[in-house]
Protein backbone atom coordinates (compact mmCIF):
# COMPACT_ATOMS: atom_id res chain seq x y z
CA MET A 1 9.82 -25.64 -3.81
CA ALA A 2 11.52 -26.70 -7.04
CA GLU A 3 14.90 -25.33 -8.05
CA ARG A 4 13.23 -22.94 -10.49
CA ASN A 5 9.83 -21.39 -9.77
CA SER A 6 7.62 -18.66 -11.13
CA PHE A 7 7.12 -15.39 -9.24
CA VAL A 8 4.34 -13.23 -10.66
CA PHE A 9 4.42 -9.68 -9.33
CA ASP A 10 1.85 -6.94 -9.33
CA PHE A 11 3.40 -3.53 -10.05
CA ASP A 12 1.56 -0.57 -8.49
CA SER A 13 1.86 -0.35 -4.68
CA THR A 14 3.92 -3.56 -4.78
CA ILE A 15 7.12 -3.20 -6.83
CA VAL A 16 6.68 0.56 -6.79
CA ALA A 17 5.40 2.59 -3.86
CA VAL A 18 2.55 4.37 -5.68
CA GLU A 19 -0.42 3.81 -7.94
CA THR A 20 1.28 5.12 -11.05
CA LEU A 21 -1.80 6.16 -13.02
CA ASP A 22 -3.17 8.04 -10.03
CA THR A 23 0.18 9.74 -9.47
CA LEU A 24 0.34 10.76 -13.12
CA ILE A 25 -3.21 12.08 -13.02
CA LYS A 26 -2.68 14.07 -9.84
CA GLN A 27 0.39 15.73 -11.33
CA ASN A 28 -1.95 17.20 -13.95
CA LEU A 29 -4.99 17.98 -11.78
CA ASN A 30 -5.32 21.03 -9.59
CA ASP A 31 -8.93 20.41 -8.60
CA GLU A 32 -9.05 18.79 -5.14
CA GLU A 33 -12.47 17.30 -5.80
CA ASP A 34 -11.16 15.47 -8.87
CA ARG A 35 -8.17 14.24 -6.82
CA ARG A 36 -10.53 12.94 -4.12
CA ARG A 37 -12.63 11.15 -6.75
CA ILE A 38 -9.52 9.48 -8.17
CA ASP A 39 -8.57 8.17 -4.71
CA GLU A 40 -12.09 6.88 -4.12
CA ILE A 41 -12.27 5.11 -7.50
CA THR A 42 -8.89 3.45 -6.97
CA LEU A 43 -9.71 2.34 -3.43
CA ARG A 44 -13.00 0.76 -4.51
CA ALA A 45 -11.34 -1.04 -7.43
CA MET A 46 -8.45 -2.39 -5.35
CA ASN A 47 -10.86 -3.59 -2.68
CA GLY A 48 -12.84 -5.50 -5.30
CA GLU A 49 -15.87 -3.22 -4.95
CA LEU A 50 -15.72 -1.74 -8.47
CA ASP A 51 -15.19 -3.43 -11.83
CA PHE A 52 -11.61 -2.75 -12.93
CA SER A 53 -12.47 -1.73 -16.48
CA ALA A 54 -14.99 0.80 -15.16
CA SER A 55 -12.39 2.11 -12.73
CA LEU A 56 -9.78 2.49 -15.45
CA ALA A 57 -12.15 4.28 -17.82
CA SER A 58 -13.31 6.65 -15.07
CA ARG A 59 -9.77 7.58 -14.07
CA LEU A 60 -8.71 8.18 -17.67
CA ARG A 61 -11.70 10.45 -18.22
CA LEU A 62 -10.64 12.54 -15.25
CA SER A 63 -6.97 12.51 -16.16
CA ARG A 64 -6.66 14.88 -19.12
CA ALA A 65 -3.47 12.85 -19.70
CA ARG A 66 -1.19 13.25 -22.69
CA THR A 67 1.49 10.98 -24.12
CA GLU A 68 4.24 13.23 -22.75
CA HIS A 69 2.83 12.75 -19.23
CA PHE A 70 3.32 8.98 -19.57
CA ALA A 71 6.83 9.50 -20.90
CA ARG A 72 7.64 11.76 -17.94
CA MET A 73 6.32 9.19 -15.47
CA ALA A 74 8.38 6.48 -17.18
CA GLY A 75 11.46 8.62 -16.59
CA GLN A 76 10.61 9.05 -12.91
CA ILE A 77 9.59 5.49 -12.11
CA GLY A 78 13.02 4.25 -11.03
CA ASP A 79 12.87 6.70 -8.11
CA LEU A 80 9.53 5.27 -6.97
CA LEU A 81 10.60 1.70 -6.22
CA THR A 82 9.29 0.36 -2.94
CA PRO A 83 12.32 0.47 -0.60
CA GLY A 84 13.76 -3.01 -0.37
CA MET A 85 12.09 -4.43 -3.48
CA ASP A 86 15.32 -4.11 -5.44
CA ASP A 87 16.86 -6.59 -2.98
CA VAL A 88 13.97 -9.03 -3.48
CA LEU A 89 14.00 -8.90 -7.27
CA SER A 90 17.78 -9.03 -7.50
CA PHE A 91 17.91 -12.03 -5.15
CA LEU A 92 15.32 -13.92 -7.23
CA ALA A 93 17.15 -13.11 -10.45
CA ARG A 94 20.47 -14.34 -8.98
CA ARG A 95 18.79 -17.57 -7.90
CA GLY A 96 17.58 -18.18 -11.46
CA GLN A 97 13.89 -17.82 -10.65
CA LYS A 98 11.43 -16.92 -13.41
CA LEU A 99 10.02 -13.42 -12.90
CA PHE A 100 6.88 -11.91 -14.38
CA ILE A 101 5.11 -8.59 -13.96
CA VAL A 102 1.35 -8.59 -14.51
CA SER A 103 -0.14 -5.13 -14.05
CA GLY A 104 -3.33 -3.24 -14.68
CA GLY A 105 -1.10 -0.20 -15.19
CA PHE A 106 0.51 0.92 -18.42
CA ALA A 107 3.35 -0.76 -20.29
CA GLU A 108 5.30 2.43 -20.94
CA ILE A 109 5.67 2.94 -17.19
CA VAL A 110 6.14 -0.71 -16.20
CA ARG A 111 8.79 -1.69 -18.76
CA PRO A 112 11.65 0.51 -17.49
CA ILE A 113 11.48 -1.33 -14.16
CA ALA A 114 11.22 -4.70 -15.86
CA GLU A 115 14.31 -3.88 -17.91
CA LEU A 116 16.17 -2.81 -14.77
CA PHE A 117 15.76 -6.32 -13.33
CA GLY A 118 16.27 -8.23 -16.54
CA ILE A 119 12.61 -9.14 -17.09
CA PRO A 120 12.06 -9.35 -20.86
CA ASP A 121 9.09 -7.74 -22.59
CA GLU A 122 7.46 -11.11 -23.21
CA ASP A 123 7.26 -11.67 -19.44
CA CYS A 124 5.89 -8.20 -18.70
CA PHE A 125 2.15 -7.69 -19.12
CA ALA A 126 0.38 -4.34 -18.84
CA ASN A 127 -2.13 -2.13 -20.62
CA GLU A 128 -1.36 0.11 -23.58
CA TYR A 129 -3.02 3.48 -24.01
CA VAL A 130 -4.73 4.91 -27.10
CA ALA A 131 -3.91 8.50 -28.05
CA ASP A 132 -5.40 10.84 -30.64
CA ASP A 133 -3.41 12.80 -33.22
CA LYS A 134 -2.97 15.64 -30.71
CA GLY A 135 -1.28 13.40 -28.14
CA CYS A 136 -4.27 13.21 -25.80
CA VAL A 137 -4.78 9.82 -24.16
CA VAL A 138 -8.36 8.84 -24.94
CA GLY A 139 -8.58 5.19 -23.97
CA VAL A 140 -6.98 1.79 -23.55
CA LYS A 141 -6.23 -0.84 -26.19
CA ASP A 142 -8.44 -3.86 -25.75
CA GLY A 143 -6.75 -6.71 -23.94
CA PRO A 144 -7.24 -8.93 -20.90
CA LEU A 145 -5.75 -6.46 -18.40
CA ALA A 146 -8.22 -3.76 -19.39
CA HIS A 147 -11.02 -5.93 -17.99
CA GLU A 148 -12.10 -7.51 -14.73
CA GLY A 149 -10.31 -10.81 -14.16
CA GLY A 150 -7.51 -9.84 -16.52
CA LYS A 151 -4.68 -11.01 -14.29
CA SER A 152 -6.22 -14.46 -14.01
CA ALA A 153 -6.62 -14.53 -17.80
CA VAL A 154 -2.92 -13.71 -18.29
CA VAL A 155 -1.70 -16.32 -15.80
CA HIS A 156 -4.08 -18.91 -17.25
CA ALA A 157 -2.62 -18.27 -20.71
CA LEU A 158 0.92 -18.61 -19.34
CA ARG A 159 -0.03 -21.95 -17.82
CA GLU A 160 -1.54 -23.12 -21.11
CA GLN A 161 1.70 -22.16 -22.86
CA ASN A 162 3.79 -24.08 -20.29
CA ARG A 163 5.70 -20.91 -19.44
CA LEU A 164 5.44 -21.21 -15.64
CA PRO A 165 8.14 -23.50 -14.23
CA GLY A 166 7.88 -24.97 -10.75
CA ALA A 167 5.55 -23.54 -8.15
CA VAL A 168 3.65 -20.37 -9.10
CA VAL A 169 3.74 -17.60 -6.50
CA MET A 170 1.46 -14.58 -7.01
CA LEU A 171 2.36 -11.39 -5.13
CA GLY A 172 0.39 -8.15 -4.86
CA ASP A 173 -1.56 -5.70 -2.78
CA GLY A 174 -5.02 -5.95 -4.36
CA MET A 175 -7.94 -8.33 -4.65
CA SER A 176 -7.26 -8.74 -8.38
CA ASP A 177 -3.92 -10.29 -7.39
CA TYR A 178 -5.53 -12.55 -4.79
CA GLN A 179 -8.10 -13.63 -7.40
CA VAL A 180 -5.37 -15.39 -9.39
CA TYR A 181 -4.81 -17.65 -6.37
CA ALA A 182 -8.54 -18.00 -5.68
CA ASP A 183 -9.02 -19.13 -9.29
CA GLY A 184 -6.54 -21.95 -8.72
CA LEU A 185 -3.87 -20.48 -11.00
CA ALA A 186 -1.19 -19.93 -8.34
CA ASP A 187 0.15 -22.30 -5.72
CA LEU A 188 0.69 -19.51 -3.20
CA PHE A 189 -0.48 -15.94 -2.82
CA ILE A 190 1.54 -13.45 -0.81
CA GLY A 191 -0.39 -10.32 0.11
CA CYS A 192 1.91 -7.31 0.03
CA GLY A 193 1.06 -4.58 2.54
CA PHE A 194 4.26 -2.66 1.88
CA ASN A 195 2.60 0.61 0.90
CA VAL A 196 -1.07 0.03 1.64
CA ALA A 197 -2.56 -2.75 3.75
CA ARG A 198 -6.01 -3.48 2.39
CA PRO A 199 -8.13 -5.20 5.07
CA ASN A 200 -9.83 -7.66 2.71
CA VAL A 201 -6.48 -8.66 1.19
CA ARG A 202 -5.02 -9.15 4.66
CA THR A 203 -7.87 -11.40 5.75
CA SER A 204 -7.95 -13.38 2.48
CA SER A 205 -4.21 -13.96 2.06
CA PRO A 206 -2.64 -17.24 3.18
CA VAL A 207 0.48 -15.13 3.74
CA PHE A 208 0.43 -11.35 4.30
CA LEU A 209 3.65 -9.39 4.72
CA GLU A 210 4.20 -5.73 5.54
CA THR A 211 7.80 -5.23 4.41
CA PRO A 212 10.02 -6.36 1.52
CA ALA A 213 12.54 -7.48 4.15
CA ALA A 214 9.98 -9.96 5.48
CA LEU A 215 9.30 -11.09 1.92
CA LEU A 216 12.99 -11.65 1.24
CA SER A 217 13.32 -13.67 4.45
CA LEU A 218 10.36 -15.85 3.47
CA ILE A 219 11.67 -16.44 -0.04
CA GLU A 220 15.10 -17.39 1.31
CA SER A 221 13.41 -19.98 3.54
CA LEU A 222 11.35 -21.40 0.67
CA LEU A 223 14.04 -21.79 -1.99
CA PRO A 224 16.38 -24.79 -1.87
CA GLN A 225 19.64 -24.01 -0.14
CA CYS A 226 21.55 -25.75 -2.93
CA LEU A 227 20.79 -22.98 -5.40
């Protein structure tokens, strides 16, 4: 690999140990049937069986979420880091690698983690919610990550803008992350089974790892020793 490369990370179930929207929703739902439906919708979307925009809209309809719920989750998110991912991100930052977060989650929740590891807002991509005048979250602002294929669209735009130095490594737990590699926009895809090991991601991934420690070891072997 070159001295400086681009590492594009998924967020939910990769950098953090949970699906943040689902966690937020379940904090506000007492109905077990609604909770089961949320899990089913998320599983189908992450396995590539359900259009992402349809999944997102369905979960928001069930959520009864308010702006203060997102603010509360943003305050909690530092405690939900996947154990060992702080070592990975800190190592990459020390080695001068270019870090991005590209997430189908929400910016208000993603940005506190990005800030923690020195990833500026312009390198952090996520959805933004729409709220009514009563503070109820009623939808998502239109943008690439609110739609199927959104992660590929973001990485394609970064390539067009010459913002991706060196080799491009995409990392994540879902098929939307793998799709960036399948679309020829990343040089390597690393499937991340840290919190959930999705069978179709495991079988599709050129590299599939089950722990951040294994990821750190691989990255150390890939980066030039002179750095």
